[in-house]
PDB file of N, CA and C in Angstrom:
ATOM      1  N   UNK A   1       2.600  10.312   1.783  1.00  0.00           N
ATOM      2  CA  UNK A   1       3.784  10.832   1.151  1.00  0.00           C
ATOM      3  C   UNK A   1       4.445  11.792   2.134  1.00  0.00           C
ATOM      4  N   UNK A   2       5.752  11.663   2.279  1.00  0.00           N
ATOM      5  CA  UNK A   2       6.473  12.505   3.232  1.00  0.00           C
ATOM      6  C   UNK A   2       6.670  13.906   2.678  1.00  0.00           C
ATOM      7  N   UNK A   3       7.013  14.816   3.567  1.00  0.00           N
ATOM      8  CA  UNK A   3       7.248  16.196   3.159  1.00  0.00           C
ATOM      9  C   UNK A   3       8.411  16.280   2.185  1.00  0.00           C
ATOM     10  N   UNK A   4       9.409  15.415   2.363  1.00  0.00           N
ATOM     11  CA  UNK A   4      10.575  15.430   1.470  1.00  0.00           C
ATOM     12  C   UNK A   4      10.195  14.974   0.071  1.00  0.00           C
ATOM     13  N   UNK A   5       9.335  13.980  -0.015  1.00  0.00           N
ATOM     14  CA  UNK A   5       8.887  13.524  -1.330  1.00  0.00           C
ATOM     15  C   UNK A   5       8.089  14.615  -2.026  1.00  0.00           C
ATOM     16  N   UNK A   6       7.259  15.322  -1.279  1.00  0.00           N
ATOM     17  CA  UNK A   6       6.470  16.407  -1.871  1.00  0.00           C
ATOM     18  C   UNK A   6       7.358  17.526  -2.378  1.00  0.00           C
ATOM     19  N   UNK A   7       8.445  17.808  -1.664  1.00  0.00           N
ATOM     20  CA  UNK A   7       9.328  18.890  -2.059  1.00  0.00           C
ATOM     21  C   UNK A   7      10.173  18.551  -3.284  1.00  0.00           C
ATOM     22  N   UNK A   8      10.618  17.314  -3.391  1.00  0.00           N
ATOM     23  CA  UNK A   8      11.580  16.975  -4.420  1.00  0.00           C
ATOM     24  C   UNK A   8      11.020  16.231  -5.631  1.00  0.00           C
ATOM     25  N   UNK A   9       9.817  15.744  -5.548  1.00  0.00           N
ATOM     26  CA  UNK A   9       9.221  15.093  -6.711  1.00  0.00           C
ATOM     27  C   UNK A   9       8.742  16.137  -7.711  1.00  0.00           C
ATOM     28  N   UNK A  10       8.817  15.830  -8.989  1.00  0.00           N
ATOM     29  CA  UNK A  10       8.233  16.752  -9.968  1.00  0.00           C
ATOM     30  C   UNK A  10       6.743  16.914  -9.709  1.00  0.00           C
ATOM     31  N   UNK A  11       6.228  18.086  -9.980  1.00  0.00           N
ATOM     32  CA  UNK A  11       4.819  18.394  -9.676  1.00  0.00           C
ATOM     33  C   UNK A  11       3.852  17.477 -10.413  1.00  0.00           C
ATOM     34  N   UNK A  12       4.186  17.060 -11.641  1.00  0.00           N
ATOM     35  CA  UNK A  12       3.248  16.222 -12.382  1.00  0.00           C
ATOM     36  C   UNK A  12       3.082  14.839 -11.756  1.00  0.00           C
ATOM     37  N   UNK A  13       4.114  14.305 -11.108  1.00  0.00           N
ATOM     38  CA  UNK A  13       3.998  13.012 -10.434  1.00  0.00           C
ATOM     39  C   UNK A  13       3.092  13.145  -9.208  1.00  0.00           C
ATOM     40  N   UNK A  14       3.280  14.211  -8.436  1.00  0.00           N
ATOM     41  CA  UNK A  14       2.459  14.442  -7.256  1.00  0.00           C
ATOM     42  C   UNK A  14       1.005  14.670  -7.651  1.00  0.00           C
ATOM     43  N   UNK A  15       0.771  15.455  -8.709  1.00  0.00           N
ATOM     44  CA  UNK A  15      -0.594  15.740  -9.149  1.00  0.00           C
ATOM     45  C   UNK A  15      -1.276  14.518  -9.738  1.00  0.00           C
ATOM     46  N   UNK A  16      -0.526  13.631 -10.378  1.00  0.00           N
ATOM     47  CA  UNK A  16      -1.159  12.439 -10.942  1.00  0.00           C
ATOM     48  C   UNK A  16      -1.711  11.543  -9.833  1.00  0.00           C
ATOM     49  N   UNK A  17      -1.042  11.502  -8.692  1.00  0.00           N
ATOM     50  CA  UNK A  17      -1.561  10.745  -7.555  1.00  0.00           C
ATOM     51  C   UNK A  17      -2.848  11.339  -7.028  1.00  0.00           C
ATOM     52  N   UNK A  18      -2.899  12.658  -6.944  1.00  0.00           N
ATOM     53  CA  UNK A  18      -4.114  13.332  -6.496  1.00  0.00           C
ATOM     54  C   UNK A  18      -5.249  13.115  -7.491  1.00  0.00           C
ATOM     55  N   UNK A  19      -4.936  13.165  -8.780  1.00  0.00           N
ATOM     56  CA  UNK A  19      -5.963  12.944  -9.804  1.00  0.00           C
ATOM     57  C   UNK A  19      -6.509  11.526  -9.739  1.00  0.00           C
ATOM     58  N   UNK A  20      -5.654  10.570  -9.474  1.00  0.00           N
ATOM     59  CA  UNK A  20      -6.086   9.177  -9.353  1.00  0.00           C
ATOM     60  C   UNK A  20      -7.054   9.007  -8.190  1.00  0.00           C
ATOM     61  N   UNK A  21      -6.732   9.614  -7.061  1.00  0.00           N
ATOM     62  CA  UNK A  21      -7.600   9.534  -5.886  1.00  0.00           C
ATOM     63  C   UNK A  21      -8.943  10.197  -6.169  1.00  0.00           C
ATOM     64  N   UNK A  22      -8.916  11.334  -6.857  1.00  0.00           N
ATOM     65  CA  UNK A  22     -10.160  12.039  -7.190  1.00  0.00           C
ATOM     66  C   UNK A  22     -11.033  11.199  -8.125  1.00  0.00           C
ATOM     67  N   UNK A  23     -10.420  10.497  -9.058  1.00  0.00           N
ATOM     68  CA  UNK A  23     -11.184   9.625  -9.960  1.00  0.00           C
ATOM     69  C   UNK A  23     -11.854   8.492  -9.193  1.00  0.00           C
ATOM     70  N   UNK A  24     -11.140   7.921  -8.236  1.00  0.00           N
ATOM     71  CA  UNK A  24     -11.711   6.850  -7.415  1.00  0.00           C
ATOM     72  C   UNK A  24     -12.899   7.388  -6.617  1.00  0.00           C
ATOM     73  N   UNK A  25     -12.739   8.590  -6.053  1.00  0.00           N
ATOM     74  CA  UNK A  25     -13.840   9.194  -5.295  1.00  0.00           C
ATOM     75  C   UNK A  25     -15.069   9.371  -6.175  1.00  0.00           C
ATOM     76  N   UNK A  26     -14.881   9.853  -7.398  1.00  0.00           N
ATOM     77  CA  UNK A  26     -16.009  10.048  -8.306  1.00  0.00           C
ATOM     78  C   UNK A  26     -16.669   8.729  -8.676  1.00  0.00           C
ATOM     79  N   UNK A  27     -15.875   7.701  -8.905  1.00  0.00           N
ATOM     80  CA  UNK A  27     -16.426   6.394  -9.259  1.00  0.00           C
ATOM     81  C   UNK A  27     -17.182   5.762  -8.102  1.00  0.00           C
ATOM     82  N   UNK A  28     -16.752   6.030  -6.885  1.00  0.00           N
ATOM     83  CA  UNK A  28     -17.349   5.394  -5.708  1.00  0.00           C
ATOM     84  C   UNK A  28     -18.556   6.146  -5.155  1.00  0.00           C
ATOM     85  N   UNK A  29     -18.785   7.337  -5.605  1.00  0.00           N
ATOM     86  CA  UNK A  29     -19.842   8.173  -5.030  1.00  0.00           C
ATOM     87  C   UNK A  29     -21.230   7.551  -5.155  1.00  0.00           C
ATOM     88  N   UNK A  30     -21.449   6.768  -6.201  1.00  0.00           N
ATOM     89  CA  UNK A  30     -22.789   6.213  -6.418  1.00  0.00           C
ATOM     90  C   UNK A  30     -22.947   4.810  -5.844  1.00  0.00           C
ATOM     91  N   UNK A  31     -21.911   4.269  -5.232  1.00  0.00           N
ATOM     92  CA  UNK A  31     -21.978   2.913  -4.685  1.00  0.00           C
ATOM     93  C   UNK A  31     -22.466   2.936  -3.242  1.00  0.00           C
ATOM     94  N   UNK A  32     -23.019   1.818  -2.804  1.00  0.00           N
ATOM     95  CA  UNK A  32     -23.518   1.719  -1.429  1.00  0.00           C
ATOM     96  C   UNK A  32     -22.351   1.544  -0.460  1.00  0.00           C
ATOM     97  N   UNK A  33     -22.629   1.786   0.806  1.00  0.00           N
ATOM     98  CA  UNK A  33     -21.607   1.617   1.838  1.00  0.00           C
ATOM     99  C   UNK A  33     -21.076   0.184   1.871  1.00  0.00           C
ATOM    100  N   UNK A  34     -21.957  -0.784   1.712  1.00  0.00           N
ATOM    101  CA  UNK A  34     -21.544  -2.181   1.736  1.00  0.00           C
ATOM    102  C   UNK A  34     -20.588  -2.493   0.590  1.00  0.00           C
ATOM    103  N   UNK A  35     -20.887  -1.964  -0.606  1.00  0.00           N
ATOM    104  CA  UNK A  35     -20.011  -2.179  -1.750  1.00  0.00           C
ATOM    105  C   UNK A  35     -18.645  -1.540  -1.519  1.00  0.00           C
ATOM    106  N   UNK A  36     -18.642  -0.354  -0.940  1.00  0.00           N
ATOM    107  CA  UNK A  36     -17.384   0.341  -0.691  1.00  0.00           C
ATOM    108  C   UNK A  36     -16.554  -0.350   0.381  1.00  0.00           C
ATOM    109  N   UNK A  37     -17.200  -0.844   1.421  1.00  0.00           N
ATOM    110  CA  UNK A  37     -16.474  -1.561   2.470  1.00  0.00           C
ATOM    111  C   UNK A  37     -15.849  -2.839   1.919  1.00  0.00           C
ATOM    112  N   UNK A  38     -16.573  -3.524   1.057  1.00  0.00           N
ATOM    113  CA  UNK A  38     -16.030  -4.734   0.434  1.00  0.00           C
ATOM    114  C   UNK A  38     -14.852  -4.384  -0.477  1.00  0.00           C
ATOM    115  N   UNK A  39     -14.984  -3.319  -1.240  1.00  0.00           N
ATOM    116  CA  UNK A  39     -13.892  -2.898  -2.126  1.00  0.00           C
ATOM    117  C   UNK A  39     -12.666  -2.482  -1.318  1.00  0.00           C
ATOM    118  N   UNK A  40     -12.881  -1.826  -0.188  1.00  0.00           N
ATOM    119  CA  UNK A  40     -11.771  -1.409   0.675  1.00  0.00           C
ATOM    120  C   UNK A  40     -11.026  -2.629   1.212  1.00  0.00           C
ATOM    121  N   UNK A  41     -11.759  -3.653   1.582  1.00  0.00           N
ATOM    122  CA  UNK A  41     -11.136  -4.865   2.103  1.00  0.00           C
ATOM    123  C   UNK A  41     -10.335  -5.599   1.028  1.00  0.00           C
ATOM    124  N   UNK A  42     -10.740  -5.469  -0.230  1.00  0.00           N
ATOM    125  CA  UNK A  42     -10.112  -6.233  -1.309  1.00  0.00           C
ATOM    126  C   UNK A  42      -9.012  -5.483  -2.046  1.00  0.00           C
ATOM    127  N   UNK A  43      -8.844  -4.200  -1.796  1.00  0.00           N
ATOM    128  CA  UNK A  43      -7.855  -3.431  -2.559  1.00  0.00           C
ATOM    129  C   UNK A  43      -6.465  -3.514  -1.942  1.00  0.00           C
ATOM    130  N   UNK A  44      -5.471  -3.481  -2.808  1.00  0.00           N
ATOM    131  CA  UNK A  44      -4.077  -3.439  -2.382  1.00  0.00           C
ATOM    132  C   UNK A  44      -3.423  -2.124  -2.787  1.00  0.00           C
ATOM    133  N   UNK A  45      -4.152  -1.289  -3.511  1.00  0.00           N
ATOM    134  CA  UNK A  45      -3.619  -0.031  -4.016  1.00  0.00           C
ATOM    135  C   UNK A  45      -3.900   1.090  -3.021  1.00  0.00           C
ATOM    136  N   UNK A  46      -2.850   1.826  -2.652  1.00  0.00           N
ATOM    137  CA  UNK A  46      -3.005   2.895  -1.661  1.00  0.00           C
ATOM    138  C   UNK A  46      -3.899   4.032  -2.161  1.00  0.00           C
ATOM    139  N   UNK A  47      -3.785   4.398  -3.423  1.00  0.00           N
ATOM    140  CA  UNK A  47      -4.615   5.467  -3.979  1.00  0.00           C
ATOM    141  C   UNK A  47      -6.083   5.107  -3.983  1.00  0.00           C
ATOM    142  N   UNK A  48      -6.376   3.874  -4.357  1.00  0.00           N
ATOM    143  CA  UNK A  48      -7.756   3.402  -4.359  1.00  0.00           C
ATOM    144  C   UNK A  48      -8.309   3.376  -2.940  1.00  0.00           C
ATOM    145  N   UNK A  49      -7.525   2.869  -2.008  1.00  0.00           N
ATOM    146  CA  UNK A  49      -7.964   2.813  -0.617  1.00  0.00           C
ATOM    147  C   UNK A  49      -8.227   4.219  -0.069  1.00  0.00           C
ATOM    148  N   UNK A  50      -7.369   5.162  -0.403  1.00  0.00           N
ATOM    149  CA  UNK A  50      -7.549   6.536   0.064  1.00  0.00           C
ATOM    150  C   UNK A  50      -8.840   7.133  -0.478  1.00  0.00           C
ATOM    151  N   UNK A  51      -9.106   6.921  -1.762  1.00  0.00           N
ATOM    152  CA  UNK A  51     -10.337   7.440  -2.365  1.00  0.00           C
ATOM    153  C   UNK A  51     -11.581   6.845  -1.737  1.00  0.00           C
ATOM    154  N   UNK A  52     -11.556   5.531  -1.512  1.00  0.00           N
ATOM    155  CA  UNK A  52     -12.704   4.861  -0.891  1.00  0.00           C
ATOM    156  C   UNK A  52     -12.899   5.367   0.531  1.00  0.00           C
ATOM    157  N   UNK A  53     -11.816   5.513   1.266  1.00  0.00           N
ATOM    158  CA  UNK A  53     -11.912   6.006   2.648  1.00  0.00           C
ATOM    159  C   UNK A  53     -12.490   7.406   2.700  1.00  0.00           C
ATOM    160  N   UNK A  54     -12.113   8.265   1.773  1.00  0.00           N
ATOM    161  CA  UNK A  54     -12.648   9.633   1.761  1.00  0.00           C
ATOM    162  C   UNK A  54     -14.150   9.646   1.546  1.00  0.00           C
ATOM    163  N   UNK A  55     -14.623   8.794   0.638  1.00  0.00           N
ATOM    164  CA  UNK A  55     -16.068   8.719   0.402  1.00  0.00           C
ATOM    165  C   UNK A  55     -16.775   8.200   1.647  1.00  0.00           C
ATOM    166  N   UNK A  56     -16.245   7.156   2.261  1.00  0.00           N
ATOM    167  CA  UNK A  56     -16.879   6.590   3.458  1.00  0.00           C
ATOM    168  C   UNK A  56     -16.823   7.561   4.638  1.00  0.00           C
ATOM    169  N   UNK A  57     -15.730   8.313   4.769  1.00  0.00           N
ATOM    170  CA  UNK A  57     -15.660   9.298   5.856  1.00  0.00           C
ATOM    171  C   UNK A  57     -16.678  10.414   5.643  1.00  0.00           C
ATOM    172  N   UNK A  58     -16.947  10.764   4.383  1.00  0.00           N
ATOM    173  CA  UNK A  58     -17.965  11.784   4.128  1.00  0.00           C
ATOM    174  C   UNK A  58     -19.360  11.274   4.463  1.00  0.00           C
ATOM    175  N   UNK A  59     -19.498   9.956   4.558  1.00  0.00           N
ATOM    176  CA  UNK A  59     -20.780   9.338   4.914  1.00  0.00           C
ATOM    177  C   UNK A  59     -20.879   9.000   6.390  1.00  0.00           C
ATOM    178  N   UNK A  60     -19.897   9.402   7.189  1.00  0.00           N
ATOM    179  CA  UNK A  60     -20.008   9.242   8.635  1.00  0.00           C
ATOM    180  C   UNK A  60     -19.101   8.212   9.274  1.00  0.00           C
ATOM    181  N   UNK A  61     -18.320   7.498   8.512  1.00  0.00           N
ATOM    182  CA  UNK A  61     -17.393   6.534   9.089  1.00  0.00           C
ATOM    183  C   UNK A  61     -16.170   7.276   9.630  1.00  0.00           C
ATOM    184  N   UNK A  62     -15.562   6.731  10.670  1.00  0.00           N
ATOM    185  CA  UNK A  62     -14.368   7.355  11.215  1.00  0.00           C
ATOM    186  C   UNK A  62     -13.126   6.762  10.543  1.00  0.00           C
ATOM    187  N   UNK A  63     -12.072   7.545  10.512  1.00  0.00           N
ATOM    188  CA  UNK A  63     -10.823   7.102   9.911  1.00  0.00           C
ATOM    189  C   UNK A  63     -10.271   5.889  10.658  1.00  0.00           C
ATOM    190  N   UNK A  64     -10.424   5.898  11.964  1.00  0.00           N
ATOM    191  CA  UNK A  64      -9.918   4.803  12.790  1.00  0.00           C
ATOM    192  C   UNK A  64     -10.613   3.484  12.446  1.00  0.00           C
ATOM    193  N   UNK A  65     -11.937   3.492  12.343  1.00  0.00           N
ATOM    194  CA  UNK A  65     -12.630   2.240  12.056  1.00  0.00           C
ATOM    195  C   UNK A  65     -12.358   1.758  10.631  1.00  0.00           C
ATOM    196  N   UNK A  66     -12.148   2.666   9.688  1.00  0.00           N
ATOM    197  CA  UNK A  66     -11.815   2.251   8.332  1.00  0.00           C
ATOM    198  C   UNK A  66     -10.418   1.648   8.261  1.00  0.00           C
ATOM    199  N   UNK A  67      -9.474   2.250   8.964  1.00  0.00           N
ATOM    200  CA  UNK A  67      -8.120   1.695   9.005  1.00  0.00           C
ATOM    201  C   UNK A  67      -8.108   0.318   9.655  1.00  0.00           C
ATOM    202  N   UNK A  68      -8.870   0.170  10.736  1.00  0.00           N
ATOM    203  CA  UNK A  68      -8.968  -1.112  11.415  1.00  0.00           C
ATOM    204  C   UNK A  68      -9.585  -2.165  10.508  1.00  0.00           C
ATOM    205  N   UNK A  69     -10.630  -1.796   9.816  1.00  0.00           N
ATOM    206  CA  UNK A  69     -11.297  -2.712   8.910  1.00  0.00           C
ATOM    207  C   UNK A  69     -10.366  -3.129   7.779  1.00  0.00           C
ATOM    208  N   UNK A  70      -9.640  -2.187   7.220  1.00  0.00           N
ATOM    209  CA  UNK A  70      -8.738  -2.502   6.112  1.00  0.00           C
ATOM    210  C   UNK A  70      -7.601  -3.415   6.554  1.00  0.00           C
ATOM    211  N   UNK A  71      -7.057  -3.198   7.738  1.00  0.00           N
ATOM    212  CA  UNK A  71      -5.894  -3.968   8.180  1.00  0.00           C
ATOM    213  C   UNK A  71      -6.258  -5.316   8.810  1.00  0.00           C
ATOM    214  N   UNK A  72      -7.491  -5.511   9.204  1.00  0.00           N
ATOM    215  CA  UNK A  72      -7.857  -6.804   9.779  1.00  0.00           C
ATOM    216  C   UNK A  72      -7.982  -7.870   8.708  1.00  0.00           C
ATOM    217  N   UNK A  73      -8.288  -7.472   7.509  1.00  0.00           N
ATOM    218  CA  UNK A  73      -8.445  -8.426   6.407  1.00  0.00           C
ATOM    219  C   UNK A  73      -7.099  -8.816   5.829  1.00  0.00           C
ATOM    220  N   UNK A  74      -6.188  -7.838   5.676  1.00  0.00           N
ATOM    221  CA  UNK A  74      -4.894  -8.135   5.051  1.00  0.00           C
ATOM    222  C   UNK A  74      -3.923  -8.572   6.055  1.00  0.00           C
TER     223      UNK A  74
END
């Protein structure tokens, strides 16, 4: 999201996106790396992809390799 969108969007719209990502992170915390990598490859939703990437990055994956993995499939 650009700085202009953050400035001019109502706060509840911006917060709902953050809440969605946080929910995805909570749901993915108990899944294995293999399950998360497969889900990342199959998702088309940016919020879901962001949540999955955050969980995988906390487990040692780099942002670059996750982006590469996501874009090679689609």
